[in-house]
Structures are given as structure tokens and as C-alpha cells.
Amino acid sequence: MNLKKIVAFIAIISTIAVVVGTVCAEIYYEQPIDNSVINLNIYSVDVNGSNFSYFSSRKELLDFLSEDKTNEIPYTQKFDCEDFAITLQKNAMKKGKLMNVIAINPKEYNNMFGVKLGRFDQHIINSTICGTGYYTEYVVIDPQTDEIRRVGFLGR
């Protein structure tokens, strides 16, 4: 199985699991998991009467990040990468958007963002889905810099 597909699937499931309240979601596969494309269709995620959705486009995600000021918070020992990721997730949810908090190993982070972390340094970042149709992207975001990297296309 492709690691990117597994990560995307886990991210979607974890987003749904993290939301507290009544969650109504339907996920199905149009192709087997070992094929090159996974088609995930999430019709609705409702929490206590509020509807949450992924970003409809990369532009919508960029607009959200330009308005959000999480990346401007100073890094301290008491406010570290975990706090940045949780704050960005909470701010997205206030806007009705789904966003995950994920741990990433240093090798993957270095490959994606070009920043060298220590060999044993885990980093906490965010992930989400943006777009619709064939060009639906699974992306990761470093909440300290607002940098976005595409992990892959999901094709809904």
C-alpha cells in the first residue's frame, strides 16, 4: 500500500474522530485501497447542528491562512509546535473547516519543507483536504510558517 494513501485515510478518520458531538459522515471507496487512486466522499460532518467541511480550493485555504495570525505568535518553551498546530486547527473549526493535527517524523519533514530537524525530533503540523473533483489535494501545513506542501491527490 502507498504510504501517502494510508496517511490521507488516517487523517480523514482522525478528523472525524476528534470532533466532539454528533458526527454524521459517510466514507466509501470507489476503488480498492491498493490501486493508485483512493476516492473518498464525505457528504457531511455535523457537530451539534454546525456543518464542517474541507476547503473547497487551495485559494480558500490560502485566504484562511492569510487572515489567521497563528504563525505570528512567538515560539516559546510553553508555546511550541503542538500549540501552534492545535491553535490553527481551532481557528479553522471556528470558520467551519476541518483540519487535522498530525505528528511527522524528522526525515519526512526535512523532505517536505527543507528544514533540518534533529534525528529524533518529532514535529507537529496540520493537514487538510482542499479542492473538489479530480484535483482534490491532501496537504500539510506548518502552522509556524503557513507553508503548504501537497502530499498527493485524492480524486473525489
C-alpha atoms as a PDB file:
ATOM      1  CA  MET A   1       0.000   0.000   0.000  1.00  0.00           C
ATOM      2  CA  ASN A   2       1.095   3.521  -0.708  1.00  0.00           C
ATOM      3  CA  LEU A   3       2.073   5.368   2.494  1.00  0.00           C
ATOM      4  CA  LYS A   4       0.517   8.634   1.258  1.00  0.00           C
ATOM      5  CA  LYS A   5      -2.839   6.903   0.799  1.00  0.00           C
ATOM      6  CA  ILE A   6      -2.698   5.450   4.291  1.00  0.00           C
ATOM      7  CA  VAL A   7      -1.782   8.843   5.795  1.00  0.00           C
ATOM      8  CA  ALA A   8      -4.649  10.526   3.919  1.00  0.00           C
ATOM      9  CA  PHE A   9      -7.127   7.916   5.098  1.00  0.00           C
ATOM     10  CA  ILE A  10      -5.930   8.140   8.723  1.00  0.00           C
ATOM     11  CA  ALA A  11      -6.101  11.955   8.596  1.00  0.00           C
ATOM     12  CA  ILE A  12      -9.715  11.882   7.453  1.00  0.00           C
ATOM     13  CA  ILE A  13     -10.716   9.327  10.070  1.00  0.00           C
ATOM     14  CA  SER A  14      -8.851  11.184  12.833  1.00  0.00           C
ATOM     15  CA  THR A  15     -10.556  14.475  11.930  1.00  0.00           C
ATOM     16  CA  ILE A  16     -13.934  12.850  12.237  1.00  0.00           C
ATOM     17  CA  ALA A  17     -12.949  11.108  15.479  1.00  0.00           C
ATOM     18  CA  VAL A  18     -11.587  14.292  17.068  1.00  0.00           C
ATOM     19  CA  VAL A  19     -14.762  16.299  16.584  1.00  0.00           C
ATOM     20  CA  VAL A  20     -16.898  16.104  19.716  1.00  0.00           C
ATOM     21  CA  GLY A  21     -20.646  15.759  19.311  1.00  0.00           C
ATOM     22  CA  THR A  22     -22.876  14.076  16.788  1.00  0.00           C
ATOM     23  CA  VAL A  23     -20.851  13.143  13.742  1.00  0.00           C
ATOM     24  CA  CYS A  24     -22.629  12.101  10.582  1.00  0.00           C
ATOM     25  CA  ALA A  25     -20.253  11.009   7.831  1.00  0.00           C
ATOM     26  CA  GLU A  26     -20.239   8.552   5.008  1.00  0.00           C
ATOM     27  CA  ILE A  27     -16.946   7.367   3.577  1.00  0.00           C
ATOM     28  CA  TYR A  28     -16.710   4.857   0.773  1.00  0.00           C
ATOM     29  CA  TYR A  29     -14.150   3.578  -1.680  1.00  0.00           C
ATOM     30  CA  GLU A  30     -14.773   3.614  -5.413  1.00  0.00           C
ATOM     31  CA  GLN A  31     -11.584   1.608  -5.985  1.00  0.00           C
ATOM     32  CA  PRO A  32      -9.656  -0.907  -3.865  1.00  0.00           C
ATOM     33  CA  ILE A  33      -7.177   0.609  -1.435  1.00  0.00           C
ATOM     34  CA  ASP A  34      -4.162  -0.840  -3.264  1.00  0.00           C
ATOM     35  CA  ASN A  35      -4.970   0.956  -6.563  1.00  0.00           C
ATOM     36  CA  SER A  36      -3.293   4.245  -7.446  1.00  0.00           C
ATOM     37  CA  VAL A  37      -6.292   6.428  -6.528  1.00  0.00           C
ATOM     38  CA  ILE A  38      -8.489   6.413  -3.440  1.00  0.00           C
ATOM     39  CA  ASN A  39     -11.827   8.118  -3.855  1.00  0.00           C
ATOM     40  CA  LEU A  40     -13.151   9.330  -0.553  1.00  0.00           C
ATOM     41  CA  ASN A  41     -16.503  11.053  -0.444  1.00  0.00           C
ATOM     42  CA  ILE A  42     -17.517  12.824   2.723  1.00  0.00           C
ATOM     43  CA  TYR A  43     -21.008  14.200   2.406  1.00  0.00           C
ATOM     44  CA  SER A  44     -21.404  15.975   5.702  1.00  0.00           C
ATOM     45  CA  VAL A  45     -19.880  16.324   9.101  1.00  0.00           C
ATOM     46  CA  ASP A  46     -22.336  17.858  11.519  1.00  0.00           C
ATOM     47  CA  VAL A  47     -21.488  18.704  15.099  1.00  0.00           C
ATOM     48  CA  ASN A  48     -24.327  19.880  17.277  1.00  0.00           C
ATOM     49  CA  GLY A  49     -26.065  21.465  14.307  1.00  0.00           C
ATOM     50  CA  SER A  50     -22.939  23.067  12.833  1.00  0.00           C
ATOM     51  CA  ASN A  51     -21.654  21.856   9.481  1.00  0.00           C
ATOM     52  CA  PHE A  52     -17.911  21.448   8.921  1.00  0.00           C
ATOM     53  CA  SER A  53     -16.274  20.947   5.541  1.00  0.00           C
ATOM     54  CA  TYR A  54     -12.862  20.787   3.958  1.00  0.00           C
ATOM     55  CA  PHE A  55     -11.523  23.733   1.976  1.00  0.00           C
ATOM     56  CA  SER A  56     -13.160  23.974  -1.451  1.00  0.00           C
ATOM     57  CA  SER A  57      -9.901  25.076  -3.106  1.00  0.00           C
ATOM     58  CA  ARG A  58      -6.250  25.841  -2.425  1.00  0.00           C
ATOM     59  CA  LYS A  59      -7.197  29.532  -2.733  1.00  0.00           C
ATOM     60  CA  GLU A  60      -9.738  29.187   0.076  1.00  0.00           C
ATOM     61  CA  LEU A  61      -7.038  27.619   2.256  1.00  0.00           C
ATOM     62  CA  LEU A  62      -4.567  30.382   1.360  1.00  0.00           C
ATOM     63  CA  ASP A  63      -7.191  33.048   2.152  1.00  0.00           C
ATOM     64  CA  PHE A  64      -7.844  31.423   5.540  1.00  0.00           C
ATOM     65  CA  LEU A  65      -4.112  31.286   6.330  1.00  0.00           C
ATOM     66  CA  SER A  66      -3.592  34.934   5.310  1.00  0.00           C
ATOM     67  CA  GLU A  67      -6.351  36.023   7.722  1.00  0.00           C
ATOM     68  CA  ASP A  68      -5.253  33.694  10.531  1.00  0.00           C
ATOM     69  CA  LYS A  69      -2.481  35.024  12.771  1.00  0.00           C
ATOM     70  CA  THR A  70      -1.330  31.766  14.421  1.00  0.00           C
ATOM     71  CA  ASN A  71       2.026  31.960  12.622  1.00  0.00           C
ATOM     72  CA  GLU A  72       2.679  35.370  14.221  1.00  0.00           C
ATOM     73  CA  ILE A  73       2.604  34.013  17.781  1.00  0.00           C
ATOM     74  CA  PRO A  74       6.127  33.874  19.245  1.00  0.00           C
ATOM     75  CA  TYR A  75       7.574  30.401  19.783  1.00  0.00           C
ATOM     76  CA  THR A  76       8.429  29.720  23.444  1.00  0.00           C
ATOM     77  CA  GLN A  77       9.066  26.651  25.566  1.00  0.00           C
ATOM     78  CA  LYS A  78       5.466  26.954  26.791  1.00  0.00           C
ATOM     79  CA  PHE A  79       4.001  27.572  23.311  1.00  0.00           C
ATOM     80  CA  ASP A  80       5.666  25.131  20.939  1.00  0.00           C
ATOM     81  CA  CYS A  81       4.823  23.306  17.700  1.00  0.00           C
ATOM     82  CA  GLU A  82       1.988  21.331  19.282  1.00  0.00           C
ATOM     83  CA  ASP A  83       0.315  24.536  20.480  1.00  0.00           C
ATOM     84  CA  PHE A  84       0.679  26.162  17.040  1.00  0.00           C
ATOM     85  CA  ALA A  85      -0.996  23.152  15.371  1.00  0.00           C
ATOM     86  CA  ILE A  86      -3.849  22.984  17.892  1.00  0.00           C
ATOM     87  CA  THR A  87      -4.434  26.748  17.643  1.00  0.00           C
ATOM     88  CA  LEU A  88      -4.582  26.620  13.838  1.00  0.00           C
ATOM     89  CA  GLN A  89      -6.995  23.678  13.999  1.00  0.00           C
ATOM     90  CA  LYS A  90      -9.271  25.507  16.457  1.00  0.00           C
ATOM     91  CA  ASN A  91      -9.247  28.646  14.294  1.00  0.00           C
ATOM     92  CA  ALA A  92     -10.163  26.591  11.214  1.00  0.00           C
ATOM     93  CA  MET A  93     -13.027  24.961  13.093  1.00  0.00           C
ATOM     94  CA  LYS A  94     -14.312  28.397  14.147  1.00  0.00           C
ATOM     95  CA  LYS A  95     -14.621  29.076  10.399  1.00  0.00           C
ATOM     96  CA  GLY A  96     -16.408  25.740   9.824  1.00  0.00           C
ATOM     97  CA  LYS A  97     -13.379  23.996   8.315  1.00  0.00           C
ATOM     98  CA  LEU A  98     -11.870  20.604   9.064  1.00  0.00           C
ATOM     99  CA  MET A  99      -8.161  20.468   9.828  1.00  0.00           C
ATOM    100  CA  ASN A 100      -6.054  17.745  11.429  1.00  0.00           C
ATOM    101  CA  VAL A 101      -3.182  17.877  13.892  1.00  0.00           C
ATOM    102  CA  ILE A 102      -0.531  15.317  12.952  1.00  0.00           C
ATOM    103  CA  ALA A 103       2.928  14.252  14.090  1.00  0.00           C
ATOM    104  CA  ILE A 104       5.587  13.990  11.404  1.00  0.00           C
ATOM    105  CA  ASN A 105       8.982  12.336  11.677  1.00  0.00           C
ATOM    106  CA  PRO A 106      12.071  14.460  11.038  1.00  0.00           C
ATOM    107  CA  LYS A 107      13.025  12.747   7.763  1.00  0.00           C
ATOM    108  CA  GLU A 108       9.602  13.403   6.185  1.00  0.00           C
ATOM    109  CA  TYR A 109       9.548  16.975   7.494  1.00  0.00           C
ATOM    110  CA  ASN A 110      13.037  17.617   6.099  1.00  0.00           C
ATOM    111  CA  ASN A 111      11.993  16.196   2.705  1.00  0.00           C
ATOM    112  CA  MET A 112       8.796  18.254   2.547  1.00  0.00           C
ATOM    113  CA  PHE A 113       9.876  21.578   3.999  1.00  0.00           C
ATOM    114  CA  GLY A 114      13.646  21.583   3.502  1.00  0.00           C
ATOM    115  CA  VAL A 115      14.253  22.338   7.181  1.00  0.00           C
ATOM    116  CA  LYS A 116      16.674  20.095   9.010  1.00  0.00           C
ATOM    117  CA  LEU A 117      15.271  18.775  12.277  1.00  0.00           C
ATOM    118  CA  GLY A 118      17.296  16.722  14.708  1.00  0.00           C
ATOM    119  CA  ARG A 119      17.332  12.993  14.065  1.00  0.00           C
ATOM    120  CA  PHE A 120      14.914  12.271  16.910  1.00  0.00           C
ATOM    121  CA  ASP A 121      12.840  15.488  16.798  1.00  0.00           C
ATOM    122  CA  GLN A 122       9.184  14.831  16.060  1.00  0.00           C
ATOM    123  CA  HIS A 123       7.285  17.816  14.762  1.00  0.00           C
ATOM    124  CA  ILE A 124       3.575  18.597  14.994  1.00  0.00           C
ATOM    125  CA  ILE A 125       1.891  20.138  11.948  1.00  0.00           C
ATOM    126  CA  ASN A 126      -1.571  20.301  10.362  1.00  0.00           C
ATOM    127  CA  SER A 127      -3.167  18.575   7.419  1.00  0.00           C
ATOM    128  CA  THR A 128      -6.365  19.091   5.478  1.00  0.00           C
ATOM    129  CA  ILE A 129      -8.053  18.455   2.170  1.00  0.00           C
ATOM    130  CA  CYS A 130      -8.663  21.189  -0.364  1.00  0.00           C
ATOM    131  CA  GLY A 131     -10.377  21.166  -3.725  1.00  0.00           C
ATOM    132  CA  THR A 132     -13.140  19.168  -5.294  1.00  0.00           C
ATOM    133  CA  GLY A 133     -13.341  16.588  -8.022  1.00  0.00           C
ATOM    134  CA  TYR A 134     -10.249  15.161  -9.662  1.00  0.00           C
ATOM    135  CA  TYR A 135      -7.910  17.832  -8.263  1.00  0.00           C
ATOM    136  CA  THR A 136      -8.696  17.269  -4.606  1.00  0.00           C
ATOM    137  CA  GLU A 137      -5.427  17.622  -2.700  1.00  0.00           C
ATOM    138  CA  TYR A 138      -4.310  16.265   0.647  1.00  0.00           C
ATOM    139  CA  VAL A 139      -1.932  18.903   2.023  1.00  0.00           C
ATOM    140  CA  VAL A 140       0.139  19.505   5.122  1.00  0.00           C
ATOM    141  CA  ILE A 141       0.693  22.929   6.662  1.00  0.00           C
ATOM    142  CA  ASP A 142       3.428  24.072   9.009  1.00  0.00           C
ATOM    143  CA  PRO A 143       1.410  26.315  11.355  1.00  0.00           C
ATOM    144  CA  GLN A 144       4.502  28.278  12.404  1.00  0.00           C
ATOM    145  CA  THR A 145       5.225  29.447   8.845  1.00  0.00           C
ATOM    146  CA  ASP A 146       1.954  28.805   6.921  1.00  0.00           C
ATOM    147  CA  GLU A 147       3.939  26.821   4.340  1.00  0.00           C
ATOM    148  CA  ILE A 148       1.817  24.279   2.455  1.00  0.00           C
ATOM    149  CA  ARG A 149       3.039  21.068   0.846  1.00  0.00           C
ATOM    150  CA  ARG A 150       0.944  18.680  -1.259  1.00  0.00           C
ATOM    151  CA  VAL A 151       1.110  15.078  -0.098  1.00  0.00           C
ATOM    152  CA  GLY A 152      -0.992  13.835  -3.000  1.00  0.00           C
ATOM    153  CA  PHE A 153      -4.202  13.953  -4.976  1.00  0.00           C
ATOM    154  CA  LEU A 154      -7.236  12.120  -3.634  1.00  0.00           C
ATOM    155  CA  GLY A 155      -9.584  12.479  -6.583  1.00  0.00           C
ATOM    156  CA  ARG A 156     -13.100  12.596  -5.178  1.00  0.00           C
END
